[in-house]
Amino acid sequence: MKPYYEIIRDLREDHDLRQSQIAQLLKTTQQVYSRYEKGQNEIPLRHLITLAKFYNVSLDYIAGLITEKKPLE
C-alpha cells in the first residue's frame, strides 16, 4: 500500500502541475505543500478533500485504501 504523500505527488505529476499551483489551490505555501508530499507534515483533512475534488478521485484512493482511481460520485 502506497502512503498518501506519494499518491498526492503522483496525482500532481500526472496532471503536469507544479507544487506551487497546488499550494495556491490549498491556500498555503509551496514549502508547506512540499512537506506534505515528503511526508514530513500531516496534510489536513480539508486539504485532502480539496485534492480529491480537484483530481476527481475518492478519498479512499488518496488514503491508499484502494488502488483504482474511482471518480467522485
PDB file of N, CA and C in Angstrom:
ATOM      1  N   MET A   1       0.850  -1.176   0.000  1.00  0.00           N
ATOM      2  CA  MET A   1       0.000   0.000   0.000  1.00  0.00           C
ATOM      3  C   MET A   1       0.897   1.241   0.000  1.00  0.00           C
ATOM      4  N   LYS A   2       0.622   2.132  -0.923  1.00  0.00           N
ATOM      5  CA  LYS A   2       1.383   3.370  -1.065  1.00  0.00           C
ATOM      6  C   LYS A   2       0.916   4.394  -0.030  1.00  0.00           C
ATOM      7  N   PRO A   3       1.830   5.144   0.576  1.00  0.00           N
ATOM      8  CA  PRO A   3       1.400   6.196   1.512  1.00  0.00           C
ATOM      9  C   PRO A   3       0.754   7.366   0.756  1.00  0.00           C
ATOM     10  N   TYR A   4      -0.137   8.058   1.452  1.00  0.00           N
ATOM     11  CA  TYR A   4      -0.894   9.141   0.816  1.00  0.00           C
ATOM     12  C   TYR A   4       0.021  10.205   0.220  1.00  0.00           C
ATOM     13  N   TYR A   5       1.157  10.474   0.848  1.00  0.00           N
ATOM     14  CA  TYR A   5       2.004  11.557   0.342  1.00  0.00           C
ATOM     15  C   TYR A   5       2.616  11.213  -1.013  1.00  0.00           C
ATOM     16  N   GLU A   6       2.845   9.929  -1.273  1.00  0.00           N
ATOM     17  CA  GLU A   6       3.305   9.539  -2.607  1.00  0.00           C
ATOM     18  C   GLU A   6       2.164   9.638  -3.616  1.00  0.00           C
ATOM     19  N   ILE A   7       0.965   9.323  -3.174  1.00  0.00           N
ATOM     20  CA  ILE A   7      -0.206   9.374  -4.060  1.00  0.00           C
ATOM     21  C   ILE A   7      -0.501  10.811  -4.474  1.00  0.00           C
ATOM     22  N   ILE A   8      -0.450  11.757  -3.526  1.00  0.00           N
ATOM     23  CA  ILE A   8      -0.734  13.145  -3.921  1.00  0.00           C
ATOM     24  C   ILE A   8       0.351  13.694  -4.835  1.00  0.00           C
ATOM     25  N   ARG A   9       1.597  13.247  -4.643  1.00  0.00           N
ATOM     26  CA  ARG A   9       2.670  13.655  -5.565  1.00  0.00           C
ATOM     27  C   ARG A   9       2.421  13.076  -6.953  1.00  0.00           C
ATOM     28  N   ASP A  10       2.063  11.781  -7.021  1.00  0.00           N
ATOM     29  CA  ASP A  10       1.794  11.137  -8.306  1.00  0.00           C
ATOM     30  C   ASP A  10       0.635  11.812  -9.032  1.00  0.00           C
ATOM     31  N   LEU A  11      -0.426  12.139  -8.295  1.00  0.00           N
ATOM     32  CA  LEU A  11      -1.570  12.818  -8.916  1.00  0.00           C
ATOM     33  C   LEU A  11      -1.150  14.155  -9.504  1.00  0.00           C
ATOM     34  N   ARG A  12      -0.369  14.911  -8.748  1.00  0.00           N
ATOM     35  CA  ARG A  12       0.093  16.219  -9.241  1.00  0.00           C
ATOM     36  C   ARG A  12       0.940  16.063 -10.494  1.00  0.00           C
ATOM     37  N   GLU A  13       1.877  15.122 -10.446  1.00  0.00           N
ATOM     38  CA  GLU A  13       2.752  14.910 -11.593  1.00  0.00           C
ATOM     39  C   GLU A  13       1.982  14.383 -12.801  1.00  0.00           C
ATOM     40  N   ASP A  14       0.990  13.533 -12.582  1.00  0.00           N
ATOM     41  CA  ASP A  14       0.160  13.013 -13.677  1.00  0.00           C
ATOM     42  C   ASP A  14      -0.602  14.125 -14.388  1.00  0.00           C
ATOM     43  N   HIS A  15      -0.867  15.212 -13.673  1.00  0.00           N
ATOM     44  CA  HIS A  15      -1.591  16.351 -14.250  1.00  0.00           C
ATOM     45  C   HIS A  15      -0.643  17.476 -14.679  1.00  0.00           C
ATOM     46  N   ASP A  16       0.658  17.178 -14.672  1.00  0.00           N
ATOM     47  CA  ASP A  16       1.680  18.148 -15.101  1.00  0.00           C
ATOM     48  C   ASP A  16       1.555  19.489 -14.372  1.00  0.00           C
ATOM     49  N   LEU A  17       1.379  19.412 -13.054  1.00  0.00           N
ATOM     50  CA  LEU A  17       1.252  20.613 -12.241  1.00  0.00           C
ATOM     51  C   LEU A  17       2.475  20.773 -11.353  1.00  0.00           C
ATOM     52  N   ARG A  18       2.733  22.008 -10.975  1.00  0.00           N
ATOM     53  CA  ARG A  18       3.834  22.310 -10.050  1.00  0.00           C
ATOM     54  C   ARG A  18       3.302  22.365  -8.623  1.00  0.00           C
ATOM     55  N   GLN A  19       4.185  22.156  -7.677  1.00  0.00           N
ATOM     56  CA  GLN A  19       3.786  22.236  -6.271  1.00  0.00           C
ATOM     57  C   GLN A  19       3.174  23.597  -5.953  1.00  0.00           C
ATOM     58  N   SER A  20       3.707  24.636  -6.532  1.00  0.00           N
ATOM     59  CA  SER A  20       3.199  25.985  -6.251  1.00  0.00           C
ATOM     60  C   SER A  20       1.747  26.148  -6.705  1.00  0.00           C
ATOM     61  N   GLN A  21       1.373  25.477  -7.790  1.00  0.00           N
ATOM     62  CA  GLN A  21      -0.006  25.561  -8.268  1.00  0.00           C
ATOM     63  C   GLN A  21      -0.966  24.874  -7.288  1.00  0.00           C
ATOM     64  N   ILE A  22      -0.554  23.728  -6.765  1.00  0.00           N
ATOM     65  CA  ILE A  22      -1.405  23.023  -5.805  1.00  0.00           C
ATOM     66  C   ILE A  22      -1.428  23.785  -4.489  1.00  0.00           C
ATOM     67  N   ALA A  23      -0.305  24.344  -4.090  1.00  0.00           N
ATOM     68  CA  ALA A  23      -0.262  25.153  -2.870  1.00  0.00           C
ATOM     69  C   ALA A  23      -1.239  26.320  -2.964  1.00  0.00           C
ATOM     70  N   GLN A  24      -1.298  26.943  -4.125  1.00  0.00           N
ATOM     71  CA  GLN A  24      -2.236  28.052  -4.334  1.00  0.00           C
ATOM     72  C   GLN A  24      -3.676  27.566  -4.198  1.00  0.00           C
ATOM     73  N   LEU A  25      -3.986  26.411  -4.762  1.00  0.00           N
ATOM     74  CA  LEU A  25      -5.322  25.821  -4.642  1.00  0.00           C
ATOM     75  C   LEU A  25      -5.685  25.606  -3.170  1.00  0.00           C
ATOM     76  N   LEU A  26      -4.717  25.151  -2.381  1.00  0.00           N
ATOM     77  CA  LEU A  26      -4.949  24.843  -0.968  1.00  0.00           C
ATOM     78  C   LEU A  26      -4.780  26.064  -0.066  1.00  0.00           C
ATOM     79  N   LYS A  27      -4.421  27.200  -0.672  1.00  0.00           N
ATOM     80  CA  LYS A  27      -4.192  28.439   0.075  1.00  0.00           C
ATOM     81  C   LYS A  27      -3.108  28.251   1.136  1.00  0.00           C
ATOM     82  N   THR A  28      -2.005  27.690   0.692  1.00  0.00           N
ATOM     83  CA  THR A  28      -0.840  27.507   1.551  1.00  0.00           C
ATOM     84  C   THR A  28       0.396  27.857   0.729  1.00  0.00           C
ATOM     85  N   THR A  29       1.563  27.644   1.277  1.00  0.00           N
ATOM     86  CA  THR A  29       2.796  27.959   0.546  1.00  0.00           C
ATOM     87  C   THR A  29       3.334  26.698  -0.135  1.00  0.00           C
ATOM     88  N   GLN A  30       4.187  26.919  -1.108  1.00  0.00           N
ATOM     89  CA  GLN A  30       4.825  25.800  -1.802  1.00  0.00           C
ATOM     90  C   GLN A  30       5.671  24.996  -0.827  1.00  0.00           C
ATOM     91  N   GLN A  31       6.320  25.669   0.105  1.00  0.00           N
ATOM     92  CA  GLN A  31       7.177  24.977   1.076  1.00  0.00           C
ATOM     93  C   GLN A  31       6.362  24.039   1.963  1.00  0.00           C
ATOM     94  N   VAL A  32       5.211  24.500   2.428  1.00  0.00           N
ATOM     95  CA  VAL A  32       4.341  23.649   3.257  1.00  0.00           C
ATOM     96  C   VAL A  32       3.838  22.473   2.441  1.00  0.00           C
ATOM     97  N   TYR A  33       3.397  22.743   1.211  1.00  0.00           N
ATOM     98  CA  TYR A  33       2.903  21.650   0.377  1.00  0.00           C
ATOM     99  C   TYR A  33       4.008  20.639   0.086  1.00  0.00           C
ATOM    100  N   SER A  34       5.224  21.108  -0.125  1.00  0.00           N
ATOM    101  CA  SER A  34       6.354  20.208  -0.352  1.00  0.00           C
ATOM    102  C   SER A  34       6.530  19.260   0.832  1.00  0.00           C
ATOM    103  N   ARG A  35       6.370  19.777   2.041  1.00  0.00           N
ATOM    104  CA  ARG A  35       6.489  18.920   3.235  1.00  0.00           C
ATOM    105  C   ARG A  35       5.369  17.889   3.285  1.00  0.00           C
ATOM    106  N   TYR A  36       4.178  18.230   2.789  1.00  0.00           N
ATOM    107  CA  TYR A  36       3.097  17.234   2.714  1.00  0.00           C
ATOM    108  C   TYR A  36       3.507  16.089   1.796  1.00  0.00           C
ATOM    109  N   GLU A  37       4.058  16.441   0.622  1.00  0.00           N
ATOM    110  CA  GLU A  37       4.434  15.416  -0.357  1.00  0.00           C
ATOM    111  C   GLU A  37       5.612  14.560   0.107  1.00  0.00           C
ATOM    112  N   LYS A  38       6.421  15.087   0.995  1.00  0.00           N
ATOM    113  CA  LYS A  38       7.552  14.319   1.522  1.00  0.00           C
ATOM    114  C   LYS A  38       7.163  13.511   2.755  1.00  0.00           C
ATOM    115  N   GLY A  39       5.946  13.722   3.249  1.00  0.00           N
ATOM    116  CA  GLY A  39       5.505  13.022   4.443  1.00  0.00           C
ATOM    117  C   GLY A  39       6.080  13.615   5.717  1.00  0.00           C
ATOM    118  N   GLN A  40       6.637  14.810   5.628  1.00  0.00           N
ATOM    119  CA  GLN A  40       7.219  15.461   6.809  1.00  0.00           C
ATOM    120  C   GLN A  40       6.150  16.101   7.681  1.00  0.00           C
ATOM    121  N   ASN A  41       5.067  16.574   7.057  1.00  0.00           N
ATOM    122  CA  ASN A  41       3.924  17.153   7.763  1.00  0.00           C
ATOM    123  C   ASN A  41       2.675  16.375   7.381  1.00  0.00           C
ATOM    124  N   GLU A  42       1.782  16.179   8.335  1.00  0.00           N
ATOM    125  CA  GLU A  42       0.485  15.575   8.032  1.00  0.00           C
ATOM    126  C   GLU A  42      -0.367  16.606   7.295  1.00  0.00           C
ATOM    127  N   ILE A  43      -1.005  16.176   6.239  1.00  0.00           N
ATOM    128  CA  ILE A  43      -1.862  17.084   5.488  1.00  0.00           C
ATOM    129  C   ILE A  43      -3.247  17.109   6.144  1.00  0.00           C
ATOM    130  N   PRO A  44      -3.815  18.288   6.359  1.00  0.00           N
ATOM    131  CA  PRO A  44      -5.141  18.368   6.982  1.00  0.00           C
ATOM    132  C   PRO A  44      -6.228  17.728   6.112  1.00  0.00           C
ATOM    133  N   LEU A  45      -7.235  17.208   6.773  1.00  0.00           N
ATOM    134  CA  LEU A  45      -8.347  16.568   6.065  1.00  0.00           C
ATOM    135  C   LEU A  45      -8.981  17.512   5.061  1.00  0.00           C
ATOM    136  N   ARG A  46      -9.134  18.786   5.412  1.00  0.00           N
ATOM    137  CA  ARG A  46      -9.766  19.741   4.479  1.00  0.00           C
ATOM    138  C   ARG A  46      -8.969  19.831   3.176  1.00  0.00           C
ATOM    139  N   HIS A  47      -7.644  19.708   3.254  1.00  0.00           N
ATOM    140  CA  HIS A  47      -6.824  19.732   2.042  1.00  0.00           C
ATOM    141  C   HIS A  47      -6.999  18.440   1.248  1.00  0.00           C
ATOM    142  N   LEU A  48      -7.110  17.323   1.935  1.00  0.00           N
ATOM    143  CA  LEU A  48      -7.337  16.050   1.234  1.00  0.00           C
ATOM    144  C   LEU A  48      -8.660  16.078   0.487  1.00  0.00           C
ATOM    145  N   ILE A  49      -9.677  16.648   1.103  1.00  0.00           N
ATOM    146  CA  ILE A  49     -10.997  16.766   0.452  1.00  0.00           C
ATOM    147  C   ILE A  49     -10.884  17.655  -0.781  1.00  0.00           C
ATOM    148  N   THR A  50     -10.190  18.773  -0.654  1.00  0.00           N
ATOM    149  CA  THR A  50      -9.995  19.675  -1.796  1.00  0.00           C
ATOM    150  C   THR A  50      -9.273  18.959  -2.931  1.00  0.00           C
ATOM    151  N   LEU A  51      -8.234  18.202  -2.606  1.00  0.00           N
ATOM    152  CA  LEU A  51      -7.485  17.478  -3.635  1.00  0.00           C
ATOM    153  C   LEU A  51      -8.330  16.391  -4.285  1.00  0.00           C
ATOM    154  N   ALA A  52      -9.127  15.682  -3.495  1.00  0.00           N
ATOM    155  CA  ALA A  52      -9.995  14.640  -4.055  1.00  0.00           C
ATOM    156  C   ALA A  52     -10.977  15.250  -5.050  1.00  0.00           C
ATOM    157  N   LYS A  53     -11.550  16.386  -4.703  1.00  0.00           N
ATOM    158  CA  LYS A  53     -12.481  17.064  -5.618  1.00  0.00           C
ATOM    159  C   LYS A  53     -11.751  17.569  -6.862  1.00  0.00           C
ATOM    160  N   PHE A  54     -10.585  18.161  -6.662  1.00  0.00           N
ATOM    161  CA  PHE A  54      -9.819  18.720  -7.766  1.00  0.00           C
ATOM    162  C   PHE A  54      -9.409  17.647  -8.772  1.00  0.00           C
ATOM    163  N   TYR A  55      -8.912  16.517  -8.267  1.00  0.00           N
ATOM    164  CA  TYR A  55      -8.454  15.429  -9.136  1.00  0.00           C
ATOM    165  C   TYR A  55      -9.573  14.453  -9.505  1.00  0.00           C
ATOM    166  N   ASN A  56     -10.747  14.644  -8.917  1.00  0.00           N
ATOM    167  CA  ASN A  56     -11.908  13.780  -9.155  1.00  0.00           C
ATOM    168  C   ASN A  56     -11.584  12.312  -8.851  1.00  0.00           C
ATOM    169  N   VAL A  57     -11.058  12.097  -7.644  1.00  0.00           N
ATOM    170  CA  VAL A  57     -10.790  10.752  -7.147  1.00  0.00           C
ATOM    171  C   VAL A  57     -11.373  10.652  -5.735  1.00  0.00           C
ATOM    172  N   SER A  58     -11.539   9.444  -5.262  1.00  0.00           N
ATOM    173  CA  SER A  58     -12.093   9.251  -3.930  1.00  0.00           C
ATOM    174  C   SER A  58     -11.026   9.482  -2.858  1.00  0.00           C
ATOM    175  N   LEU A  59     -11.496   9.804  -1.667  1.00  0.00           N
ATOM    176  CA  LEU A  59     -10.584   9.914  -0.528  1.00  0.00           C
ATOM    177  C   LEU A  59      -9.940   8.571  -0.227  1.00  0.00           C
ATOM    178  N   ASP A  60     -10.666   7.479  -0.471  1.00  0.00           N
ATOM    179  CA  ASP A  60     -10.103   6.147  -0.272  1.00  0.00           C
ATOM    180  C   ASP A  60      -8.880   5.937  -1.163  1.00  0.00           C
ATOM    181  N   TYR A  61      -8.934   6.455  -2.382  1.00  0.00           N
ATOM    182  CA  TYR A  61      -7.787   6.333  -3.287  1.00  0.00           C
ATOM    183  C   TYR A  61      -6.596   7.119  -2.743  1.00  0.00           C
ATOM    184  N   ILE A  62      -6.836   8.366  -2.336  1.00  0.00           N
ATOM    185  CA  ILE A  62      -5.752   9.191  -1.810  1.00  0.00           C
ATOM    186  C   ILE A  62      -5.168   8.572  -0.545  1.00  0.00           C
ATOM    187  N   ALA A  63      -6.023   7.974   0.279  1.00  0.00           N
ATOM    188  CA  ALA A  63      -5.559   7.353   1.524  1.00  0.00           C
ATOM    189  C   ALA A  63      -4.824   6.042   1.278  1.00  0.00           C
ATOM    190  N   GLY A  64      -4.879   5.544   0.049  1.00  0.00           N
ATOM    191  CA  GLY A  64      -4.195   4.301  -0.270  1.00  0.00           C
ATOM    192  C   GLY A  64      -4.993   3.057   0.098  1.00  0.00           C
ATOM    193  N   LEU A  65      -6.290   3.223   0.391  1.00  0.00           N
ATOM    194  CA  LEU A  65      -7.129   2.086   0.768  1.00  0.00           C
ATOM    195  C   LEU A  65      -7.589   1.284  -0.436  1.00  0.00           C
ATOM    196  N   ILE A  66      -7.658   1.947  -1.587  1.00  0.00           N
ATOM    197  CA  ILE A  66      -7.997   1.278  -2.844  1.00  0.00           C
ATOM    198  C   ILE A  66      -6.974   1.696  -3.898  1.00  0.00           C
ATOM    199  N   THR A  67      -6.833   0.901  -4.938  1.00  0.00           N
ATOM    200  CA  THR A  67      -5.850   1.238  -5.961  1.00  0.00           C
ATOM    201  C   THR A  67      -6.494   1.780  -7.238  1.00  0.00           C
ATOM    202  N   GLU A  68      -7.787   1.693  -7.341  1.00  0.00           N
ATOM    203  CA  GLU A  68      -8.495   2.170  -8.528  1.00  0.00           C
ATOM    204  C   GLU A  68      -8.901   3.633  -8.332  1.00  0.00           C
ATOM    205  N   LYS A  69      -8.611   4.462  -9.333  1.00  0.00           N
ATOM    206  CA  LYS A  69      -8.966   5.868  -9.273  1.00  0.00           C
ATOM    207  C   LYS A  69     -10.452   6.046  -9.582  1.00  0.00           C
ATOM    208  N   LYS A  70     -11.278   5.748  -8.611  1.00  0.00           N
ATOM    209  CA  LYS A  70     -12.723   5.899  -8.810  1.00  0.00           C
ATOM    210  C   LYS A  70     -13.084   7.385  -8.750  1.00  0.00           C
ATOM    211  N   PRO A  71     -13.872   7.847  -9.706  1.00  0.00           N
ATOM    212  CA  PRO A  71     -14.297   9.261  -9.654  1.00  0.00           C
ATOM    213  C   PRO A  71     -15.263   9.483  -8.488  1.00  0.00           C
ATOM    214  N   LEU A  72     -15.323  10.716  -8.049  1.00  0.00           N
ATOM    215  CA  LEU A  72     -16.286  11.081  -7.004  1.00  0.00           C
ATOM    216  C   LEU A  72     -17.688  10.890  -7.524  1.00  0.00           C
ATOM    217  N   GLU A  73     -18.552  10.466  -6.645  1.00  0.00           N
ATOM    218  CA  GLU A  73     -19.960  10.251  -7.060  1.00  0.00           C
ATOM    219  C   GLU A  73     -20.851  11.248  -6.360  1.00  0.00           C
TER     220      GLU A  73
END
